Amino acid sequence: MKKRILFVVLLLVGLFLVVSCKPRKETFRLTLPEGITSNQRNNSKIAKDANVIITITVPEGKEIDSLKVNGVEKKEEVVSNKLSFKMTKNTTVTVNFEDILVVTYYALTLPDGVVSNQESDTQILKDTNVELTITVPEGKKLGSLKVDGVEKKADVINNKLTVKMTKDITVIVVFEDLPPTYYSLTLPDGVTSDQSDNT
């Protein structure tokens, strides 16, 4: 009877050892910086060959400058702030953000008789110095030149004015008639003219 009990105990111990000695699944650790999450439940135990999807939360006013997986640049593979890869070893992800470069354009509204040195007056890069050229019609003179309501006639040199584009700008020009030109007529004694005043 003792032999039977010993046999059963040994059989149970052997069975337990066989069952408990299953090969362990190989796992790896995923190290992520702040602002990046993964689709895995536990980043410290991810099964070998698991498909990992990381999601990058980009701060407002920033864009991804660099995203590296184990030191290898992967920025070009990011789609909709997500990157997927197979887990084949312990993996570290790093990310750097940079400020988004904002390009601002302004429009310049010009009247007839005023032109700018720009290719397009509707899309001028912010802080561009624009040279305006005023073409005064024959028989006229520059009466007023206003840039967004501010008189700038005194700043016009050789029919040119420079304005800096810091906002949309409207230019208004007024041309005035030239005063008539009078000439003096000197006549010798005894000669008259049909003018009431020869001076």
C-alpha atoms as a PDB file:
ATOM      1  CA  MET A   1       0.000   0.000   0.000  1.00  0.00           C
ATOM      2  CA  LYS A   2       2.855   2.333   0.789  1.00  0.00           C
ATOM      3  CA  LYS A   3       4.268   1.648  -2.632  1.00  0.00           C
ATOM      4  CA  ARG A   4       0.972   2.576  -4.246  1.00  0.00           C
ATOM      5  CA  ILE A   5       0.705   5.832  -2.317  1.00  0.00           C
ATOM      6  CA  LEU A   6       4.306   6.635  -3.145  1.00  0.00           C
ATOM      7  CA  PHE A   7       3.634   5.802  -6.789  1.00  0.00           C
ATOM      8  CA  VAL A   8       0.546   8.088  -6.889  1.00  0.00           C
ATOM      9  CA  VAL A   9       2.445  10.900  -5.164  1.00  0.00           C
ATOM     10  CA  LEU A  10       5.350  10.569  -7.596  1.00  0.00           C
ATOM     11  CA  LEU A  11       2.928  10.456 -10.508  1.00  0.00           C
ATOM     12  CA  LEU A  12       1.207  13.636  -9.307  1.00  0.00           C
ATOM     13  CA  VAL A  13       4.539  15.411  -8.736  1.00  0.00           C
ATOM     14  CA  GLY A  14       5.740  14.358 -12.195  1.00  0.00           C
ATOM     15  CA  LEU A  15       2.493  15.497 -13.793  1.00  0.00           C
ATOM     16  CA  PHE A  16       2.743  18.820 -11.957  1.00  0.00           C
ATOM     17  CA  LEU A  17       6.313  19.303 -13.155  1.00  0.00           C
ATOM     18  CA  VAL A  18       5.388  18.516 -16.759  1.00  0.00           C
ATOM     19  CA  VAL A  19       2.438  20.926 -16.703  1.00  0.00           C
ATOM     20  CA  SER A  20       4.343  23.713 -14.961  1.00  0.00           C
ATOM     21  CA  CYS A  21       7.367  23.450 -17.257  1.00  0.00           C
ATOM     22  CA  LYS A  22       5.603  24.832 -20.322  1.00  0.00           C
ATOM     23  CA  PRO A  23       7.945  27.060 -22.297  1.00  0.00           C
ATOM     24  CA  ARG A  24       7.525  30.674 -21.199  1.00  0.00           C
ATOM     25  CA  LYS A  25       6.512  33.237 -23.804  1.00  0.00           C
ATOM     26  CA  GLU A  26       9.301  35.665 -24.585  1.00  0.00           C
ATOM     27  CA  THR A  27       8.362  39.268 -23.687  1.00  0.00           C
ATOM     28  CA  PHE A  28       9.964  42.660 -24.133  1.00  0.00           C
ATOM     29  CA  ARG A  29       9.767  46.087 -22.484  1.00  0.00           C
ATOM     30  CA  LEU A  30       8.529  49.209 -24.319  1.00  0.00           C
ATOM     31  CA  THR A  31       9.792  52.511 -22.891  1.00  0.00           C
ATOM     32  CA  LEU A  32       7.765  55.567 -23.943  1.00  0.00           C
ATOM     33  CA  PRO A  33       8.220  59.268 -23.175  1.00  0.00           C
ATOM     34  CA  GLU A  34       5.457  61.484 -21.848  1.00  0.00           C
ATOM     35  CA  GLY A  35       2.850  62.215 -24.512  1.00  0.00           C
ATOM     36  CA  ILE A  36       3.099  58.817 -26.237  1.00  0.00           C
ATOM     37  CA  THR A  37       0.841  55.858 -25.479  1.00  0.00           C
ATOM     38  CA  SER A  38       0.640  52.334 -26.887  1.00  0.00           C
ATOM     39  CA  ASN A  39      -2.151  49.895 -27.643  1.00  0.00           C
ATOM     40  CA  GLN A  40      -0.639  47.378 -25.176  1.00  0.00           C
ATOM     41  CA  ARG A  41      -2.014  46.651 -21.705  1.00  0.00           C
ATOM     42  CA  ASN A  42       1.386  46.363 -20.079  1.00  0.00           C
ATOM     43  CA  ASN A  43       4.356  48.069 -21.744  1.00  0.00           C
ATOM     44  CA  SER A  44       6.783  46.146 -19.541  1.00  0.00           C
ATOM     45  CA  LYS A  45       5.627  42.726 -20.842  1.00  0.00           C
ATOM     46  CA  ILE A  46       4.848  42.746 -24.541  1.00  0.00           C
ATOM     47  CA  ALA A  47       4.894  39.420 -26.357  1.00  0.00           C
ATOM     48  CA  LYS A  48       7.523  38.822 -29.009  1.00  0.00           C
ATOM     49  CA  ASP A  49       6.298  39.786 -32.522  1.00  0.00           C
ATOM     50  CA  ALA A  50       3.274  41.650 -31.118  1.00  0.00           C
ATOM     51  CA  ASN A  51       2.028  44.491 -33.339  1.00  0.00           C
ATOM     52  CA  VAL A  52       2.480  47.679 -31.346  1.00  0.00           C
ATOM     53  CA  ILE A  53       0.741  50.923 -32.283  1.00  0.00           C
ATOM     54  CA  ILE A  54       1.919  54.063 -30.546  1.00  0.00           C
ATOM     55  CA  THR A  55      -0.068  57.292 -30.532  1.00  0.00           C
ATOM     56  CA  ILE A  56       1.733  60.620 -30.256  1.00  0.00           C
ATOM     57  CA  THR A  57      -0.080  63.506 -28.565  1.00  0.00           C
ATOM     58  CA  VAL A  58       1.406  66.598 -30.191  1.00  0.00           C
ATOM     59  CA  PRO A  59       1.253  69.735 -28.009  1.00  0.00           C
ATOM     60  CA  GLU A  60      -0.694  72.697 -29.398  1.00  0.00           C
ATOM     61  CA  GLY A  61       1.393  74.928 -31.650  1.00  0.00           C
ATOM     62  CA  LYS A  62       3.997  72.188 -32.144  1.00  0.00           C
ATOM     63  CA  GLU A  63       4.797  69.505 -34.694  1.00  0.00           C
ATOM     64  CA  ILE A  64       6.942  66.379 -34.603  1.00  0.00           C
ATOM     65  CA  ASP A  65      10.574  67.233 -35.276  1.00  0.00           C
ATOM     66  CA  SER A  66      11.959  63.740 -34.619  1.00  0.00           C
ATOM     67  CA  LEU A  67      10.550  60.353 -33.591  1.00  0.00           C
ATOM     68  CA  LYS A  68      13.057  57.560 -32.998  1.00  0.00           C
ATOM     69  CA  VAL A  69      12.568  53.887 -32.188  1.00  0.00           C
ATOM     70  CA  ASN A  70      15.746  52.434 -30.677  1.00  0.00           C
ATOM     71  CA  GLY A  71      17.670  55.374 -32.130  1.00  0.00           C
ATOM     72  CA  VAL A  72      16.339  54.939 -35.692  1.00  0.00           C
ATOM     73  CA  GLU A  73      14.426  57.917 -37.151  1.00  0.00           C
ATOM     74  CA  LYS A  74      10.796  56.990 -37.908  1.00  0.00           C
ATOM     75  CA  LYS A  75       9.186  60.432 -38.365  1.00  0.00           C
ATOM     76  CA  GLU A  76       8.413  59.791 -42.049  1.00  0.00           C
ATOM     77  CA  GLU A  77       6.476  56.626 -41.122  1.00  0.00           C
ATOM     78  CA  VAL A  78       4.116  58.456 -38.738  1.00  0.00           C
ATOM     79  CA  VAL A  79       0.562  58.643 -40.121  1.00  0.00           C
ATOM     80  CA  SER A  80      -2.115  60.639 -38.293  1.00  0.00           C
ATOM     81  CA  ASN A  81       0.174  60.822 -35.239  1.00  0.00           C
ATOM     82  CA  LYS A  82       0.418  57.009 -35.094  1.00  0.00           C
ATOM     83  CA  LEU A  83       3.275  54.584 -35.736  1.00  0.00           C
ATOM     84  CA  SER A  84       3.118  50.792 -35.787  1.00  0.00           C
ATOM     85  CA  PHE A  85       5.931  48.269 -35.494  1.00  0.00           C
ATOM     86  CA  LYS A  86       6.602  44.655 -34.464  1.00  0.00           C
ATOM     87  CA  MET A  87       8.050  44.034 -31.021  1.00  0.00           C
ATOM     88  CA  THR A  88      11.275  42.058 -31.530  1.00  0.00           C
ATOM     89  CA  LYS A  89      13.370  43.341 -28.614  1.00  0.00           C
ATOM     90  CA  ASN A  90      13.296  45.800 -25.735  1.00  0.00           C
ATOM     91  CA  THR A  91      12.342  49.077 -27.378  1.00  0.00           C
ATOM     92  CA  THR A  92      12.771  52.736 -26.449  1.00  0.00           C
ATOM     93  CA  VAL A  93      10.880  55.512 -28.228  1.00  0.00           C
ATOM     94  CA  THR A  94      12.002  59.153 -28.136  1.00  0.00           C
ATOM     95  CA  VAL A  95      10.261  62.209 -29.553  1.00  0.00           C
ATOM     96  CA  ASN A  96      11.155  65.876 -30.053  1.00  0.00           C
ATOM     97  CA  PHE A  97       8.709  68.606 -30.987  1.00  0.00           C
ATOM     98  CA  GLU A  98       9.313  71.962 -32.662  1.00  0.00           C
ATOM     99  CA  ASP A  99       7.223  75.097 -33.001  1.00  0.00           C
ATOM    100  CA  ILE A 100       4.997  75.210 -36.068  1.00  0.00           C
ATOM    101  CA  LEU A 101       6.263  77.866 -38.435  1.00  0.00           C
ATOM    102  CA  VAL A 102       3.338  80.140 -39.176  1.00  0.00           C
ATOM    103  CA  VAL A 103       3.586  82.057 -42.434  1.00  0.00           C
ATOM    104  CA  THR A 104       1.364  85.128 -42.542  1.00  0.00           C
ATOM    105  CA  TYR A 105       0.390  87.029 -45.665  1.00  0.00           C
ATOM    106  CA  TYR A 106      -1.381  90.353 -46.024  1.00  0.00           C
ATOM    107  CA  ALA A 107      -3.222  92.082 -48.863  1.00  0.00           C
ATOM    108  CA  LEU A 108      -2.495  95.523 -50.270  1.00  0.00           C
ATOM    109  CA  THR A 109      -5.399  97.396 -51.871  1.00  0.00           C
ATOM    110  CA  LEU A 110      -4.227 100.073 -54.304  1.00  0.00           C
ATOM    111  CA  PRO A 111      -6.135 102.693 -56.306  1.00  0.00           C
ATOM    112  CA  ASP A 112      -5.562 103.562 -59.959  1.00  0.00           C
ATOM    113  CA  GLY A 113      -2.322 105.479 -60.320  1.00  0.00           C
ATOM    114  CA  VAL A 114      -0.478 103.550 -57.589  1.00  0.00           C
ATOM    115  CA  VAL A 115       1.460 100.305 -58.151  1.00  0.00           C
ATOM    116  CA  SER A 116       3.678  98.170 -55.914  1.00  0.00           C
ATOM    117  CA  ASN A 117       6.902  96.294 -56.544  1.00  0.00           C
ATOM    118  CA  GLN A 118       5.216  92.989 -55.606  1.00  0.00           C
ATOM    119  CA  GLU A 119       4.134  90.208 -57.975  1.00  0.00           C
ATOM    120  CA  SER A 120       0.817  89.885 -56.161  1.00  0.00           C
ATOM    121  CA  ASP A 121      -0.753  92.574 -54.014  1.00  0.00           C
ATOM    122  CA  THR A 122      -3.168  90.044 -52.517  1.00  0.00           C
ATOM    123  CA  GLN A 123      -0.501  87.851 -50.907  1.00  0.00           C
ATOM    124  CA  ILE A 124       2.453  89.738 -49.441  1.00  0.00           C
ATOM    125  CA  LEU A 125       4.562  88.118 -46.725  1.00  0.00           C
ATOM    126  CA  LYS A 126       4.277  89.702 -43.280  1.00  0.00           C
ATOM    127  CA  ASP A 127       6.909  92.408 -42.526  1.00  0.00           C
ATOM    128  CA  THR A 128       7.813  92.888 -46.207  1.00  0.00           C
ATOM    129  CA  ASN A 129       8.820  96.442 -47.137  1.00  0.00           C
ATOM    130  CA  VAL A 130       6.749  97.307 -50.213  1.00  0.00           C
ATOM    131  CA  GLU A 131       7.683 100.175 -52.509  1.00  0.00           C
ATOM    132  CA  LEU A 132       4.721 102.083 -53.928  1.00  0.00           C
ATOM    133  CA  THR A 133       5.093 104.144 -57.088  1.00  0.00           C
ATOM    134  CA  ILE A 134       2.595 106.930 -57.740  1.00  0.00           C
ATOM    135  CA  THR A 135       1.944 107.925 -61.347  1.00  0.00           C
ATOM    136  CA  VAL A 136       0.557 111.457 -61.317  1.00  0.00           C
ATOM    137  CA  PRO A 137      -1.670 112.148 -64.348  1.00  0.00           C
ATOM    138  CA  GLU A 138      -0.740 115.019 -66.652  1.00  0.00           C
ATOM    139  CA  GLY A 139      -2.133 118.331 -65.473  1.00  0.00           C
ATOM    140  CA  LYS A 140      -2.494 117.030 -61.913  1.00  0.00           C
ATOM    141  CA  LYS A 141      -0.501 116.994 -58.699  1.00  0.00           C
ATOM    142  CA  LEU A 142      -0.532 114.718 -55.673  1.00  0.00           C
ATOM    143  CA  GLY A 143      -3.091 116.137 -53.284  1.00  0.00           C
ATOM    144  CA  SER A 144      -3.224 113.356 -50.700  1.00  0.00           C
ATOM    145  CA  LEU A 145      -1.892 109.844 -50.137  1.00  0.00           C
ATOM    146  CA  LYS A 146      -3.367 107.936 -47.208  1.00  0.00           C
ATOM    147  CA  VAL A 147      -2.233 104.540 -45.949  1.00  0.00           C
ATOM    148  CA  ASP A 148      -5.012 103.040 -43.843  1.00  0.00           C
ATOM    149  CA  GLY A 149      -6.391 106.508 -43.208  1.00  0.00           C
ATOM    150  CA  VAL A 150      -3.049 108.061 -42.189  1.00  0.00           C
ATOM    151  CA  GLU A 151      -1.794 110.890 -44.409  1.00  0.00           C
ATOM    152  CA  LYS A 152       1.600 109.995 -45.915  1.00  0.00           C
ATOM    153  CA  LYS A 153       1.981 112.656 -48.625  1.00  0.00           C
ATOM    154  CA  ALA A 154       4.925 114.241 -46.773  1.00  0.00           C
ATOM    155  CA  ASP A 155       6.772 110.882 -46.866  1.00  0.00           C
ATOM    156  CA  VAL A 156       6.532 110.570 -50.672  1.00  0.00           C
ATOM    157  CA  ILE A 157       9.921 111.103 -52.338  1.00  0.00           C
ATOM    158  CA  ASN A 158      10.181 111.158 -56.141  1.00  0.00           C
ATOM    159  CA  ASN A 159       6.646 109.739 -56.342  1.00  0.00           C
ATOM    160  CA  LYS A 160       7.650 106.722 -54.213  1.00  0.00           C
ATOM    161  CA  LEU A 161       6.653 105.565 -50.733  1.00  0.00           C
ATOM    162  CA  THR A 162       7.700 102.456 -48.771  1.00  0.00           C
ATOM    163  CA  VAL A 163       5.216 100.716 -46.465  1.00  0.00           C
ATOM    164  CA  LYS A 164       5.833  97.730 -44.170  1.00  0.00           C
ATOM    165  CA  MET A 165       3.204  94.978 -44.343  1.00  0.00           C
ATOM    166  CA  THR A 166       2.115  94.372 -40.751  1.00  0.00           C
ATOM    167  CA  LYS A 167      -1.575  93.986 -41.639  1.00  0.00           C
ATOM    168  CA  ASP A 168      -3.913  94.304 -44.622  1.00  0.00           C
ATOM    169  CA  ILE A 169      -3.391  97.816 -46.006  1.00  0.00           C
ATOM    170  CA  THR A 170      -5.583 100.091 -48.126  1.00  0.00           C
ATOM    171  CA  VAL A 171      -4.069 103.053 -49.960  1.00  0.00           C
ATOM    172  CA  ILE A 172      -6.129 106.047 -51.106  1.00  0.00           C
ATOM    173  CA  VAL A 173      -4.764 108.710 -53.425  1.00  0.00           C
ATOM    174  CA  VAL A 174      -6.233 112.065 -54.435  1.00  0.00           C
ATOM    175  CA  PHE A 175      -4.902 114.022 -57.397  1.00  0.00           C
ATOM    176  CA  GLU A 176      -5.641 117.728 -57.683  1.00  0.00           C
ATOM    177  CA  ASP A 177      -5.679 119.972 -60.721  1.00  0.00           C
ATOM    178  CA  LEU A 178      -2.560 122.028 -61.193  1.00  0.00           C
ATOM    179  CA  PRO A 179      -3.254 125.748 -60.815  1.00  0.00           C
ATOM    180  CA  PRO A 180      -3.290 127.559 -64.136  1.00  0.00           C
ATOM    181  CA  THR A 181       0.019 128.985 -65.267  1.00  0.00           C
ATOM    182  CA  TYR A 182       0.051 132.691 -66.023  1.00  0.00           C
ATOM    183  CA  TYR A 183       2.604 134.450 -68.145  1.00  0.00           C
ATOM    184  CA  SER A 184       3.465 138.088 -68.252  1.00  0.00           C
ATOM    185  CA  LEU A 185       3.192 139.852 -71.600  1.00  0.00           C
ATOM    186  CA  THR A 186       5.349 142.899 -72.098  1.00  0.00           C
ATOM    187  CA  LEU A 187       4.336 145.070 -75.013  1.00  0.00           C
ATOM    188  CA  PRO A 188       6.133 148.060 -76.490  1.00  0.00           C
ATOM    189  CA  ASP A 189       4.462 151.441 -76.409  1.00  0.00           C
ATOM    190  CA  GLY A 190       1.660 151.707 -78.875  1.00  0.00           C
ATOM    191  CA  VAL A 191       0.970 147.941 -78.990  1.00  0.00           C
ATOM    192  CA  THR A 192      -2.135 146.553 -77.272  1.00  0.00           C
ATOM    193  CA  SER A 193      -3.516 143.071 -76.628  1.00  0.00           C
ATOM    194  CA  ASP A 194      -6.991 141.654 -76.238  1.00  0.00           C
ATOM    195  CA  GLN A 195      -6.206 140.618 -72.620  1.00  0.00           C
ATOM    196  CA  SER A 196      -7.564 142.670 -69.776  1.00  0.00           C
ATOM    197  CA  ASP A 197      -4.362 142.189 -67.762  1.00  0.00           C
ATOM    198  CA  ASN A 198      -0.999 141.574 -69.404  1.00  0.00           C
ATOM    199  CA  THR A 199       0.798 140.872 -66.134  1.00  0.00           C
END
